[in-house]
PDB file of N, CA and C in Angstrom:
ATOM      1  N   MET A   1      -8.731  -8.953 -20.233  1.00  0.00           N
ATOM      2  CA  MET A   1      -7.476  -9.677 -20.265  1.00  0.00           C
ATOM      3  C   MET A   1      -6.409  -8.867 -20.991  1.00  0.00           C
ATOM      4  N   ALA A   2      -6.808  -8.159 -22.043  1.00  0.00           N
ATOM      5  CA  ALA A   2      -5.839  -7.342 -22.786  1.00  0.00           C
ATOM      6  C   ALA A   2      -5.292  -6.245 -21.884  1.00  0.00           C
ATOM      7  N   ARG A   3      -6.181  -5.629 -21.102  1.00  0.00           N
ATOM      8  CA  ARG A   3      -5.732  -4.571 -20.186  1.00  0.00           C
ATOM      9  C   ARG A   3      -4.813  -5.137 -19.112  1.00  0.00           C
ATOM     10  N   LEU A   4      -5.152  -6.316 -18.608  1.00  0.00           N
ATOM     11  CA  LEU A   4      -4.309  -6.958 -17.606  1.00  0.00           C
ATOM     12  C   LEU A   4      -2.909  -7.213 -18.150  1.00  0.00           C
ATOM     13  N   SER A   5      -2.835  -7.725 -19.366  1.00  0.00           N
ATOM     14  CA  SER A   5      -1.537  -7.987 -19.985  1.00  0.00           C
ATOM     15  C   SER A   5      -0.752  -6.694 -20.167  1.00  0.00           C
ATOM     16  N   LYS A   6      -1.454  -5.649 -20.584  1.00  0.00           N
ATOM     17  CA  LYS A   6      -0.799  -4.360 -20.827  1.00  0.00           C
ATOM     18  C   LYS A   6      -0.219  -3.785 -19.530  1.00  0.00           C
ATOM     19  N   GLU A   7      -0.948  -3.966 -18.436  1.00  0.00           N
ATOM     20  CA  GLU A   7      -0.519  -3.397 -17.156  1.00  0.00           C
ATOM     21  C   GLU A   7       0.382  -4.337 -16.353  1.00  0.00           C
ATOM     22  N   ASN A   8       0.577  -5.536 -16.848  1.00  0.00           N
ATOM     23  CA  ASN A   8       1.380  -6.522 -16.122  1.00  0.00           C
ATOM     24  C   ASN A   8       2.847  -6.106 -16.107  1.00  0.00           C
ATOM     25  N   GLY A   9       3.346  -5.881 -14.912  1.00  0.00           N
ATOM     26  CA  GLY A   9       4.761  -5.543 -14.762  1.00  0.00           C
ATOM     27  C   GLY A   9       5.574  -6.688 -14.195  1.00  0.00           C
ATOM     28  N   GLY A  10       4.961  -7.879 -14.128  1.00  0.00           N
ATOM     29  CA  GLY A  10       5.662  -9.029 -13.583  1.00  0.00           C
ATOM     30  C   GLY A  10       5.402  -9.160 -12.103  1.00  0.00           C
ATOM     31  N   PRO A  11       5.897 -10.118 -11.441  1.00  0.00           N
ATOM     32  CA  PRO A  11       6.823 -11.117 -11.933  1.00  0.00           C
ATOM     33  C   PRO A  11       6.155 -12.241 -12.733  1.00  0.00           C
ATOM     34  N   LEU A  12       4.803 -12.325 -12.707  1.00  0.00           N
ATOM     35  CA  LEU A  12       4.126 -13.367 -13.486  1.00  0.00           C
ATOM     36  C   LEU A  12       4.134 -13.012 -14.965  1.00  0.00           C
ATOM     37  N   SER A  13       4.300 -14.013 -15.808  1.00  0.00           N
ATOM     38  CA  SER A  13       4.202 -13.798 -17.248  1.00  0.00           C
ATOM     39  C   SER A  13       2.736 -13.544 -17.614  1.00  0.00           C
ATOM     40  N   ASP A  14       2.510 -13.013 -18.805  1.00  0.00           N
ATOM     41  CA  ASP A  14       1.144 -12.779 -19.263  1.00  0.00           C
ATOM     42  C   ASP A  14       0.342 -14.079 -19.318  1.00  0.00           C
ATOM     43  N   SER A  15       0.957 -15.161 -19.780  1.00  0.00           N
ATOM     44  CA  SER A  15       0.229 -16.433 -19.867  1.00  0.00           C
ATOM     45  C   SER A  15      -0.116 -16.967 -18.474  1.00  0.00           C
ATOM     46  N   ALA A  16       0.777 -16.802 -17.504  1.00  0.00           N
ATOM     47  CA  ALA A  16       0.481 -17.237 -16.134  1.00  0.00           C
ATOM     48  C   ALA A  16      -0.651 -16.398 -15.541  1.00  0.00           C
ATOM     49  N   LEU A  17      -0.616 -15.105 -15.792  1.00  0.00           N
ATOM     50  CA  LEU A  17      -1.669 -14.219 -15.304  1.00  0.00           C
ATOM     51  C   LEU A  17      -3.014 -14.575 -15.935  1.00  0.00           C
ATOM     52  N   ARG A  18      -3.018 -14.876 -17.236  1.00  0.00           N
ATOM     53  CA  ARG A  18      -4.248 -15.302 -17.916  1.00  0.00           C
ATOM     54  C   ARG A  18      -4.785 -16.589 -17.296  1.00  0.00           C
ATOM     55  N   SER A  19      -3.906 -17.518 -16.973  1.00  0.00           N
ATOM     56  CA  SER A  19      -4.336 -18.785 -16.366  1.00  0.00           C
ATOM     57  C   SER A  19      -5.001 -18.556 -15.017  1.00  0.00           C
ATOM     58  N   VAL A  20      -4.422 -17.692 -14.210  1.00  0.00           N
ATOM     59  CA  VAL A  20      -4.987 -17.389 -12.886  1.00  0.00           C
ATOM     60  C   VAL A  20      -6.380 -16.774 -13.044  1.00  0.00           C
ATOM     61  N   TYR A  21      -6.501 -15.784 -13.909  1.00  0.00           N
ATOM     62  CA  TYR A  21      -7.794 -15.130 -14.089  1.00  0.00           C
ATOM     63  C   TYR A  21      -8.805 -16.039 -14.765  1.00  0.00           C
ATOM     64  N   GLN A  22      -8.365 -16.929 -15.621  1.00  0.00           N
ATOM     65  CA  GLN A  22      -9.286 -17.881 -16.253  1.00  0.00           C
ATOM     66  C   GLN A  22      -9.947 -18.756 -15.190  1.00  0.00           C
ATOM     67  N   ILE A  23      -9.189 -19.176 -14.207  1.00  0.00           N
ATOM     68  CA  ILE A  23      -9.744 -19.983 -13.115  1.00  0.00           C
ATOM     69  C   ILE A  23     -10.762 -19.167 -12.322  1.00  0.00           C
ATOM     70  N   ILE A  24     -10.443 -17.908 -12.049  1.00  0.00           N
ATOM     71  CA  ILE A  24     -11.368 -17.029 -11.316  1.00  0.00           C
ATOM     72  C   ILE A  24     -12.653 -16.836 -12.115  1.00  0.00           C
ATOM     73  N   PHE A  25     -12.528 -16.519 -13.418  1.00  0.00           N
ATOM     74  CA  PHE A  25     -13.709 -16.299 -14.256  1.00  0.00           C
ATOM     75  C   PHE A  25     -14.552 -17.565 -14.357  1.00  0.00           C
ATOM     76  N   SER A  26     -13.913 -18.690 -14.587  1.00  0.00           N
ATOM     77  CA  SER A  26     -14.622 -19.955 -14.721  1.00  0.00           C
ATOM     78  C   SER A  26     -15.363 -20.306 -13.439  1.00  0.00           C
ATOM     79  N   SER A  27     -14.714 -20.117 -12.305  1.00  0.00           N
ATOM     80  CA  SER A  27     -15.348 -20.419 -11.017  1.00  0.00           C
ATOM     81  C   SER A  27     -16.525 -19.492 -10.747  1.00  0.00           C
ATOM     82  N   ALA A  28     -16.392 -18.223 -11.087  1.00  0.00           N
ATOM     83  CA  ALA A  28     -17.484 -17.266 -10.883  1.00  0.00           C
ATOM     84  C   ALA A  28     -18.676 -17.614 -11.769  1.00  0.00           C
ATOM     85  N   ARG A  29     -18.419 -17.985 -13.035  1.00  0.00           N
ATOM     86  CA  ARG A  29     -19.514 -18.389 -13.926  1.00  0.00           C
ATOM     87  C   ARG A  29     -20.212 -19.630 -13.383  1.00  0.00           C
ATOM     88  N   ALA A  30     -19.438 -20.580 -12.855  1.00  0.00           N
ATOM     89  CA  ALA A  30     -20.015 -21.837 -12.355  1.00  0.00           C
ATOM     90  C   ALA A  30     -20.923 -21.598 -11.154  1.00  0.00           C
ATOM     91  N   LEU A  31     -20.694 -20.529 -10.403  1.00  0.00           N
ATOM     92  CA  LEU A  31     -21.589 -20.199  -9.297  1.00  0.00           C
ATOM     93  C   LEU A  31     -22.974 -19.825  -9.810  1.00  0.00           C
ATOM     94  N   GLN A  32     -23.012 -19.197 -10.990  1.00  0.00           N
ATOM     95  CA  GLN A  32     -24.284 -18.808 -11.588  1.00  0.00           C
ATOM     96  C   GLN A  32     -24.936 -19.993 -12.301  1.00  0.00           C
ATOM     97  N   LYS A  33     -24.142 -20.696 -13.087  1.00  0.00           N
ATOM     98  CA  LYS A  33     -24.624 -21.863 -13.829  1.00  0.00           C
ATOM     99  C   LYS A  33     -23.418 -22.619 -14.357  1.00  0.00           C
ATOM    100  N   ARG A  34     -23.416 -23.915 -14.174  1.00  0.00           N
ATOM    101  CA  ARG A  34     -22.334 -24.723 -14.729  1.00  0.00           C
ATOM    102  C   ARG A  34     -22.608 -24.910 -16.215  1.00  0.00           C
ATOM    103  N   LEU A  35     -21.799 -24.274 -17.050  1.00  0.00           N
ATOM    104  CA  LEU A  35     -21.992 -24.329 -18.488  1.00  0.00           C
ATOM    105  C   LEU A  35     -21.677 -25.714 -19.034  1.00  0.00           C
ATOM    106  N   ARG A  36     -22.445 -26.120 -20.042  1.00  0.00           N
ATOM    107  CA  ARG A  36     -22.233 -27.390 -20.733  1.00  0.00           C
ATOM    108  C   ARG A  36     -21.716 -27.056 -22.130  1.00  0.00           C
ATOM    109  N   ILE A  37     -20.492 -27.435 -22.404  1.00  0.00           N
ATOM    110  CA  ILE A  37     -19.816 -27.052 -23.633  1.00  0.00           C
ATOM    111  C   ILE A  37     -19.597 -28.276 -24.517  1.00  0.00           C
ATOM    112  N   ALA A  38     -20.025 -28.164 -25.771  1.00  0.00           N
ATOM    113  CA  ALA A  38     -19.862 -29.255 -26.742  1.00  0.00           C
ATOM    114  C   ALA A  38     -18.577 -29.049 -27.538  1.00  0.00           C
ATOM    115  N   HIS A  39     -17.978 -30.159 -27.921  1.00  0.00           N
ATOM    116  CA  HIS A  39     -16.848 -30.155 -28.852  1.00  0.00           C
ATOM    117  C   HIS A  39     -16.912 -31.451 -29.637  1.00  0.00           C
ATOM    118  N   MET A  40     -16.326 -31.443 -30.817  1.00  0.00           N
ATOM    119  CA  MET A  40     -16.310 -32.654 -31.630  1.00  0.00           C
ATOM    120  C   MET A  40     -15.031 -33.430 -31.355  1.00  0.00           C
ATOM    121  N   GLY A  41     -15.151 -34.733 -31.422  1.00  0.00           N
ATOM    122  CA  GLY A  41     -14.000 -35.584 -31.176  1.00  0.00           C
ATOM    123  C   GLY A  41     -13.915 -35.985 -29.724  1.00  0.00           C
ATOM    124  N   SER A  42     -12.939 -36.807 -29.432  1.00  0.00           N
ATOM    125  CA  SER A  42     -12.808 -37.338 -28.075  1.00  0.00           C
ATOM    126  C   SER A  42     -12.222 -36.294 -27.119  1.00  0.00           C
ATOM    127  N   GLU A  43     -12.227 -36.663 -25.854  1.00  0.00           N
ATOM    128  CA  GLU A  43     -11.645 -35.815 -24.825  1.00  0.00           C
ATOM    129  C   GLU A  43     -10.166 -35.601 -25.123  1.00  0.00           C
ATOM    130  N   TRP A  44      -9.694 -34.409 -24.858  1.00  0.00           N
ATOM    131  CA  TRP A  44      -8.301 -33.990 -25.018  1.00  0.00           C
ATOM    132  C   TRP A  44      -7.870 -33.776 -26.464  1.00  0.00           C
ATOM    133  N   THR A  45      -8.847 -33.661 -27.375  1.00  0.00           N
ATOM    134  CA  THR A  45      -8.524 -33.241 -28.728  1.00  0.00           C
ATOM    135  C   THR A  45      -8.261 -31.741 -28.729  1.00  0.00           C
ATOM    136  N   GLU A  46      -7.849 -31.223 -29.872  1.00  0.00           N
ATOM    137  CA  GLU A  46      -7.564 -29.792 -29.991  1.00  0.00           C
ATOM    138  C   GLU A  46      -8.790 -28.941 -29.640  1.00  0.00           C
ATOM    139  N   CYS A  47      -9.973 -29.326 -30.113  1.00  0.00           N
ATOM    140  CA  CYS A  47     -11.183 -28.551 -29.813  1.00  0.00           C
ATOM    141  C   CYS A  47     -11.541 -28.615 -28.325  1.00  0.00           C
ATOM    142  N   HIS A  48     -11.310 -29.745 -27.703  1.00  0.00           N
ATOM    143  CA  HIS A  48     -11.559 -29.862 -26.268  1.00  0.00           C
ATOM    144  C   HIS A  48     -10.614 -28.946 -25.493  1.00  0.00           C
ATOM    145  N   HIS A  49      -9.343 -28.962 -25.850  1.00  0.00           N
ATOM    146  CA  HIS A  49      -8.377 -28.074 -25.201  1.00  0.00           C
ATOM    147  C   HIS A  49      -8.739 -26.604 -25.414  1.00  0.00           C
ATOM    148  N   ALA A  50      -9.143 -26.261 -26.629  1.00  0.00           N
ATOM    149  CA  ALA A  50      -9.531 -24.878 -26.915  1.00  0.00           C
ATOM    150  C   ALA A  50     -10.740 -24.480 -26.073  1.00  0.00           C
ATOM    151  N   ALA A  51     -11.712 -25.391 -25.927  1.00  0.00           N
ATOM    152  CA  ALA A  51     -12.894 -25.114 -25.111  1.00  0.00           C
ATOM    153  C   ALA A  51     -12.498 -24.845 -23.663  1.00  0.00           C
ATOM    154  N   ILE A  52     -11.566 -25.620 -23.144  1.00  0.00           N
ATOM    155  CA  ILE A  52     -11.079 -25.393 -21.775  1.00  0.00           C
ATOM    156  C   ILE A  52     -10.383 -24.049 -21.682  1.00  0.00           C
ATOM    157  N   ASP A  53      -9.585 -23.699 -22.691  1.00  0.00           N
ATOM    158  CA  ASP A  53      -8.923 -22.395 -22.698  1.00  0.00           C
ATOM    159  C   ASP A  53      -9.940 -21.262 -22.672  1.00  0.00           C
ATOM    160  N   ILE A  54     -11.062 -21.441 -23.355  1.00  0.00           N
ATOM    161  CA  ILE A  54     -12.072 -20.391 -23.449  1.00  0.00           C
ATOM    162  C   ILE A  54     -12.970 -20.357 -22.217  1.00  0.00           C
ATOM    163  N   PHE A  55     -13.455 -21.514 -21.761  1.00  0.00           N
ATOM    164  CA  PHE A  55     -14.454 -21.559 -20.687  1.00  0.00           C
ATOM    165  C   PHE A  55     -13.904 -21.983 -19.327  1.00  0.00           C
ATOM    166  N   GLY A  56     -12.685 -22.489 -19.262  1.00  0.00           N
ATOM    167  CA  GLY A  56     -12.095 -22.863 -17.983  1.00  0.00           C
ATOM    168  C   GLY A  56     -12.468 -24.262 -17.531  1.00  0.00           C
ATOM    169  N   LEU A  57     -11.941 -24.631 -16.385  1.00  0.00           N
ATOM    170  CA  LEU A  57     -12.087 -25.995 -15.883  1.00  0.00           C
ATOM    171  C   LEU A  57     -13.417 -26.268 -15.188  1.00  0.00           C
ATOM    172  N   GLU A  58     -14.163 -25.233 -14.863  1.00  0.00           N
ATOM    173  CA  GLU A  58     -15.408 -25.433 -14.117  1.00  0.00           C
ATOM    174  C   GLU A  58     -16.599 -25.783 -14.999  1.00  0.00           C
ATOM    175  N   ALA A  59     -16.455 -25.707 -16.299  1.00  0.00           N
ATOM    176  CA  ALA A  59     -17.549 -26.075 -17.206  1.00  0.00           C
ATOM    177  C   ALA A  59     -17.579 -27.593 -17.373  1.00  0.00           C
ATOM    178  N   SER A  60     -18.710 -28.096 -17.841  1.00  0.00           N
ATOM    179  CA  SER A  60     -18.836 -29.513 -18.192  1.00  0.00           C
ATOM    180  C   SER A  60     -18.619 -29.636 -19.692  1.00  0.00           C
ATOM    181  N   TYR A  61     -17.820 -30.614 -20.107  1.00  0.00           N
ATOM    182  CA  TYR A  61     -17.489 -30.778 -21.518  1.00  0.00           C
ATOM    183  C   TYR A  61     -18.096 -32.063 -22.045  1.00  0.00           C
ATOM    184  N   MET A  62     -18.728 -31.956 -23.219  1.00  0.00           N
ATOM    185  CA  MET A  62     -19.413 -33.081 -23.830  1.00  0.00           C
ATOM    186  C   MET A  62     -18.878 -33.257 -25.241  1.00  0.00           C
ATOM    187  N   SER A  63     -18.441 -34.463 -25.565  1.00  0.00           N
ATOM    188  CA  SER A  63     -17.895 -34.720 -26.904  1.00  0.00           C
ATOM    189  C   SER A  63     -18.961 -35.354 -27.791  1.00  0.00           C
ATOM    190  N   TYR A  64     -18.922 -34.977 -29.066  1.00  0.00           N
ATOM    191  CA  TYR A  64     -19.858 -35.488 -30.059  1.00  0.00           C
ATOM    192  C   TYR A  64     -19.070 -35.977 -31.271  1.00  0.00           C
ATOM    193  N   GLU A  65     -19.641 -36.924 -31.981  1.00  0.00           N
ATOM    194  CA  GLU A  65     -18.989 -37.531 -33.142  1.00  0.00           C
ATOM    195  C   GLU A  65     -18.993 -36.618 -34.362  1.00  0.00           C
ATOM    196  N   ASP A  66     -20.104 -35.878 -34.577  1.00  0.00           N
ATOM    197  CA  ASP A  66     -20.197 -35.067 -35.792  1.00  0.00           C
ATOM    198  C   ASP A  66     -21.029 -33.814 -35.553  1.00  0.00           C
ATOM    199  N   ARG A  67     -21.027 -32.937 -36.560  1.00  0.00           N
ATOM    200  CA  ARG A  67     -21.710 -31.643 -36.450  1.00  0.00           C
ATOM    201  C   ARG A  67     -23.214 -31.792 -36.276  1.00  0.00           C
ATOM    202  N   ALA A  68     -23.813 -32.775 -36.914  1.00  0.00           N
ATOM    203  CA  ALA A  68     -25.264 -32.970 -36.793  1.00  0.00           C
ATOM    204  C   ALA A  68     -25.643 -33.273 -35.348  1.00  0.00           C
ATOM    205  N   GLN A  69     -24.848 -34.096 -34.673  1.00  0.00           N
ATOM    206  CA  GLN A  69     -25.109 -34.399 -33.258  1.00  0.00           C
ATOM    207  C   GLN A  69     -24.983 -33.143 -32.402  1.00  0.00           C
ATOM    208  N   VAL A  70     -23.973 -32.328 -32.674  1.00  0.00           N
ATOM    209  CA  VAL A  70     -23.788 -31.091 -31.910  1.00  0.00           C
ATOM    210  C   VAL A  70     -24.973 -30.157 -32.129  1.00  0.00           C
ATOM    211  N   ALA A  71     -25.402 -30.008 -33.377  1.00  0.00           N
ATOM    212  CA  ALA A  71     -26.535 -29.128 -33.679  1.00  0.00           C
ATOM    213  C   ALA A  71     -27.790 -29.583 -32.951  1.00  0.00           C
ATOM    214  N   ARG A  72     -28.051 -30.891 -32.947  1.00  0.00           N
ATOM    215  CA  ARG A  72     -29.219 -31.417 -32.217  1.00  0.00           C
ATOM    216  C   ARG A  72     -29.094 -31.143 -30.719  1.00  0.00           C
ATOM    217  N   ALA A  73     -27.898 -31.305 -30.181  1.00  0.00           N
ATOM    218  CA  ALA A  73     -27.683 -31.066 -28.744  1.00  0.00           C
ATOM    219  C   ALA A  73     -27.894 -29.595 -28.390  1.00  0.00           C
ATOM    220  N   LEU A  74     -27.416 -28.697 -29.244  1.00  0.00           N
ATOM    221  CA  LEU A  74     -27.620 -27.265 -28.997  1.00  0.00           C
ATOM    222  C   LEU A  74     -29.101 -26.912 -29.042  1.00  0.00           C
ATOM    223  N   ARG A  75     -29.767 -27.362 -30.107  1.00  0.00           N
ATOM    224  CA  ARG A  75     -31.193 -27.035 -30.252  1.00  0.00           C
ATOM    225  C   ARG A  75     -32.040 -27.698 -29.173  1.00  0.00           C
ATOM    226  N   GLY A  76     -31.625 -28.864 -28.709  1.00  0.00           N
ATOM    227  CA  GLY A  76     -32.376 -29.586 -27.680  1.00  0.00           C
ATOM    228  C   GLY A  76     -32.056 -29.153 -26.260  1.00  0.00           C
ATOM    229  N   GLY A  77     -31.128 -28.221 -26.108  1.00  0.00           N
ATOM    230  CA  GLY A  77     -30.792 -27.722 -24.777  1.00  0.00           C
ATOM    231  C   GLY A  77     -29.877 -28.630 -23.975  1.00  0.00           C
ATOM    232  N   GLU A  78     -29.274 -29.634 -24.622  1.00  0.00           N
ATOM    233  CA  GLU A  78     -28.354 -30.530 -23.918  1.00  0.00           C
ATOM    234  C   GLU A  78     -27.023 -29.856 -23.609  1.00  0.00           C
ATOM    235  N   CYS A  79     -26.672 -28.839 -24.392  1.00  0.00           N
ATOM    236  CA  CYS A  79     -25.443 -28.088 -24.141  1.00  0.00           C
ATOM    237  C   CYS A  79     -25.725 -26.614 -24.386  1.00  0.00           C
ATOM    238  N   ASP A  80     -24.878 -25.766 -23.820  1.00  0.00           N
ATOM    239  CA  ASP A  80     -25.071 -24.325 -23.931  1.00  0.00           C
ATOM    240  C   ASP A  80     -24.329 -23.728 -25.120  1.00  0.00           C
ATOM    241  N   TYR A  81     -23.123 -24.212 -25.379  1.00  0.00           N
ATOM    242  CA  TYR A  81     -22.296 -23.670 -26.453  1.00  0.00           C
ATOM    243  C   TYR A  81     -21.489 -24.793 -27.093  1.00  0.00           C
ATOM    244  N   TRP A  82     -20.983 -24.496 -28.292  1.00  0.00           N
ATOM    245  CA  TRP A  82     -20.136 -25.410 -29.041  1.00  0.00           C
ATOM    246  C   TRP A  82     -18.864 -24.667 -29.393  1.00  0.00           C
ATOM    247  N   VAL A  83     -17.725 -25.264 -29.115  1.00  0.00           N
ATOM    248  CA  VAL A  83     -16.441 -24.704 -29.526  1.00  0.00           C
ATOM    249  C   VAL A  83     -15.935 -25.531 -30.688  1.00  0.00           C
ATOM    250  N   THR A  84     -15.673 -24.858 -31.801  1.00  0.00           N
ATOM    251  CA  THR A  84     -15.264 -25.544 -33.019  1.00  0.00           C
ATOM    252  C   THR A  84     -14.239 -24.718 -33.784  1.00  0.00           C
ATOM    253  N   CYS A  85     -13.485 -25.379 -34.613  1.00  0.00           N
ATOM    254  CA  CYS A  85     -12.560 -24.673 -35.498  1.00  0.00           C
ATOM    255  C   CYS A  85     -13.036 -24.771 -36.942  1.00  0.00           C
ATOM    256  N   CYS A  86     -14.197 -25.396 -37.163  1.00  0.00           N
ATOM    257  CA  CYS A  86     -14.720 -25.528 -38.520  1.00  0.00           C
ATOM    258  C   CYS A  86     -15.924 -24.602 -38.704  1.00  0.00           C
ATOM    259  N   SER A  87     -16.360 -24.458 -39.937  1.00  0.00           N
ATOM    260  CA  SER A  87     -17.498 -23.591 -40.217  1.00  0.00           C
ATOM    261  C   SER A  87     -18.778 -24.219 -39.659  1.00  0.00           C
ATOM    262  N   TYR A  88     -19.798 -23.425 -39.540  1.00  0.00           N
ATOM    263  CA  TYR A  88     -21.074 -23.861 -38.982  1.00  0.00           C
ATOM    264  C   TYR A  88     -22.184 -23.351 -39.896  1.00  0.00           C
ATOM    265  N   ARG A  89     -23.403 -23.840 -39.691  1.00  0.00           N
ATOM    266  CA  ARG A  89     -24.540 -23.400 -40.502  1.00  0.00           C
ATOM    267  C   ARG A  89     -25.825 -23.924 -39.888  1.00  0.00           C
ATOM    268  N   ASP A  90     -26.891 -23.919 -40.683  1.00  0.00           N
ATOM    269  CA  ASP A  90     -28.179 -24.493 -40.278  1.00  0.00           C
ATOM    270  C   ASP A  90     -28.769 -23.825 -39.043  1.00  0.00           C
ATOM    271  N   GLY A  91     -28.782 -22.501 -39.043  1.00  0.00           N
ATOM    272  CA  GLY A  91     -29.411 -21.780 -37.946  1.00  0.00           C
ATOM    273  C   GLY A  91     -28.542 -21.595 -36.726  1.00  0.00           C
ATOM    274  N   LEU A  92     -27.319 -22.113 -36.737  1.00  0.00           N
ATOM    275  CA  LEU A  92     -26.417 -21.881 -35.621  1.00  0.00           C
ATOM    276  C   LEU A  92     -25.736 -20.536 -35.838  1.00  0.00           C
ATOM    277  N   ARG A  93     -25.353 -19.870 -34.767  1.00  0.00           N
ATOM    278  CA  ARG A  93     -24.718 -18.572 -34.956  1.00  0.00           C
ATOM    279  C   ARG A  93     -23.437 -18.459 -34.156  1.00  0.00           C
ATOM    280  N   GLU A  94     -22.487 -17.767 -34.734  1.00  0.00           N
ATOM    281  CA  GLU A  94     -21.207 -17.519 -34.075  1.00  0.00           C
ATOM    282  C   GLU A  94     -21.400 -16.404 -33.051  1.00  0.00           C
ATOM    283  N   LEU A  95     -21.025 -16.675 -31.814  1.00  0.00           N
ATOM    284  CA  LEU A  95     -21.060 -15.639 -30.784  1.00  0.00           C
ATOM    285  C   LEU A  95     -19.746 -14.877 -30.756  1.00  0.00           C
ATOM    286  N   THR A  96     -18.670 -15.592 -30.936  1.00  0.00           N
ATOM    287  CA  THR A  96     -17.352 -14.962 -30.955  1.00  0.00           C
ATOM    288  C   THR A  96     -16.388 -15.875 -31.692  1.00  0.00           C
ATOM    289  N   GLY A  97     -15.366 -15.293 -32.202  1.00  0.00           N
ATOM    290  CA  GLY A  97     -14.294 -16.057 -32.826  1.00  0.00           C
ATOM    291  C   GLY A  97     -12.979 -15.548 -32.273  1.00  0.00           C
ATOM    292  N   MET A  98     -12.073 -16.437 -31.995  1.00  0.00           N
ATOM    293  CA  MET A  98     -10.795 -15.995 -31.427  1.00  0.00           C
ATOM    294  C   MET A  98      -9.662 -16.847 -31.950  1.00  0.00           C
ATOM    295  N   VAL A  99      -8.520 -16.200 -32.069  1.00  0.00           N
ATOM    296  CA  VAL A  99      -7.303 -16.883 -32.478  1.00  0.00           C
ATOM    297  C   VAL A  99      -6.575 -17.286 -31.213  1.00  0.00           C
ATOM    298  N   LEU A 100      -6.255 -18.567 -31.089  1.00  0.00           N
ATOM    299  CA  LEU A 100      -5.571 -19.059 -29.896  1.00  0.00           C
ATOM    300  C   LEU A 100      -4.115 -19.375 -30.241  1.00  0.00           C
ATOM    301  N   PRO A 101      -3.181 -18.584 -29.702  1.00  0.00           N
ATOM    302  CA  PRO A 101      -1.770 -18.783 -30.017  1.00  0.00           C
ATOM    303  C   PRO A 101      -1.264 -20.179 -29.687  1.00  0.00           C
ATOM    304  N   ARG A 102      -1.815 -20.776 -28.639  1.00  0.00           N
ATOM    305  CA  ARG A 102      -1.373 -22.104 -28.214  1.00  0.00           C
ATOM    306  C   ARG A 102      -1.555 -23.154 -29.316  1.00  0.00           C
ATOM    307  N   PHE A 103      -2.480 -22.890 -30.227  1.00  0.00           N
ATOM    308  CA  PHE A 103      -2.768 -23.828 -31.300  1.00  0.00           C
ATOM    309  C   PHE A 103      -2.249 -23.306 -32.636  1.00  0.00           C
ATOM    310  N   GLY A 104      -1.131 -22.628 -32.599  1.00  0.00           N
ATOM    311  CA  GLY A 104      -0.508 -22.141 -33.822  1.00  0.00           C
ATOM    312  C   GLY A 104      -1.301 -21.054 -34.515  1.00  0.00           C
ATOM    313  N   GLY A 105      -2.072 -20.289 -33.735  1.00  0.00           N
ATOM    314  CA  GLY A 105      -2.851 -19.202 -34.311  1.00  0.00           C
ATOM    315  C   GLY A 105      -4.118 -19.655 -35.006  1.00  0.00           C
ATOM    316  N   LYS A 106      -4.567 -20.873 -34.737  1.00  0.00           N
ATOM    317  CA  LYS A 106      -5.812 -21.387 -35.333  1.00  0.00           C
ATOM    318  C   LYS A 106      -6.998 -20.621 -34.749  1.00  0.00           C
ATOM    319  N   ARG A 107      -7.993 -20.378 -35.591  1.00  0.00           N
ATOM    320  CA  ARG A 107      -9.189 -19.648 -35.164  1.00  0.00           C
ATOM    321  C   ARG A 107     -10.250 -20.632 -34.678  1.00  0.00           C
ATOM    322  N   PHE A 108     -10.794 -20.359 -33.501  1.00  0.00           N
ATOM    323  CA  PHE A 108     -11.866 -21.163 -32.923  1.00  0.00           C
ATOM    324  C   PHE A 108     -13.103 -20.299 -32.767  1.00  0.00           C
ATOM    325  N   PHE A 109     -14.262 -20.918 -32.886  1.00  0.00           N
ATOM    326  CA  PHE A 109     -15.528 -20.217 -32.787  1.00  0.00           C
ATOM    327  C   PHE A 109     -16.336 -20.751 -31.607  1.00  0.00           C
ATOM    328  N   VAL A 110     -17.061 -19.851 -30.954  1.00  0.00           N
ATOM    329  CA  VAL A 110     -18.053 -20.249 -29.947  1.00  0.00           C
ATOM    330  C   VAL A 110     -19.400 -20.043 -30.616  1.00  0.00           C
ATOM    331  N   VAL A 111     -20.189 -21.116 -30.672  1.00  0.00           N
ATOM    332  CA  VAL A 111     -21.435 -21.133 -31.438  1.00  0.00           C
ATOM    333  C   VAL A 111     -22.584 -21.493 -30.503  1.00  0.00           C
ATOM    334  N   ASP A 112     -23.769 -20.930 -30.779  1.00  0.00           N
ATOM    335  CA  ASP A 112     -24.970 -21.373 -30.070  1.00  0.00           C
ATOM    336  C   ASP A 112     -26.099 -21.556 -31.079  1.00  0.00           C
ATOM    337  N   ALA A 113     -27.287 -21.907 -30.591  1.00  0.00           N
ATOM    338  CA  ALA A 113     -28.398 -22.266 -31.486  1.00  0.00           C
ATOM    339  C   ALA A 113     -29.177 -21.073 -31.984  1.00  0.00           C
ATOM    340  N   GLY A 114     -28.919 -19.892 -31.495  1.00  0.00           N
ATOM    341  CA  GLY A 114     -29.633 -18.701 -31.976  1.00  0.00           C
ATOM    342  C   GLY A 114     -30.108 -17.817 -30.852  1.00  0.00           C
ATOM    343  N   ALA A 115     -30.620 -16.680 -31.226  1.00  0.00           N
ATOM    344  CA  ALA A 115     -31.000 -15.642 -30.258  1.00  0.00           C
ATOM    345  C   ALA A 115     -32.044 -16.131 -29.264  1.00  0.00           C
ATOM    346  N   ASN A 116     -32.982 -16.950 -29.710  1.00  0.00           N
ATOM    347  CA  ASN A 116     -34.046 -17.412 -28.801  1.00  0.00           C
ATOM    348  C   ASN A 116     -33.488 -18.259 -27.655  1.00  0.00           C
ATOM    349  N   LYS A 117     -32.333 -18.838 -27.821  1.00  0.00           N
ATOM    350  CA  LYS A 117     -31.716 -19.664 -26.784  1.00  0.00           C
ATOM    351  C   LYS A 117     -31.257 -18.829 -25.601  1.00  0.00           C
ATOM    352  N   LEU A 118     -30.939 -17.564 -25.852  1.00  0.00           N
ATOM    353  CA  LEU A 118     -30.376 -16.713 -24.795  1.00  0.00           C
ATOM    354  C   LEU A 118     -31.446 -16.021 -23.978  1.00  0.00           C
ATOM    355  N   SER A 119     -32.720 -16.156 -24.322  1.00  0.00           N
ATOM    356  CA  SER A 119     -33.773 -15.452 -23.597  1.00  0.00           C
ATOM    357  C   SER A 119     -34.079 -16.113 -22.271  1.00  0.00           C
TER     358      SER A 119
END
């Protein structure tokens, strides 16, 4: 995406170009497996929006009330990843962290249950 933005000569803005490619990436991932993404809080909260920005519209989104529920869902295989803006622990690991300008530069993390989950 960084290279695309760098080479973008218009007429689409960088954000429009990112949106187009996000749909392509999300659709391609869904052909392999429809990802199940956890977030805390209700639908359309900041974490839900951030999860959509990261994984696109083709993923399935699941909301949880608290971190303990998310951790159980990750370990139990009910979801593939968790998008959060808060710290994590208890055997969960950060896969990536990113600053999303749309949310005032807030940092969001993509978390999973550990290396054994990816095998």
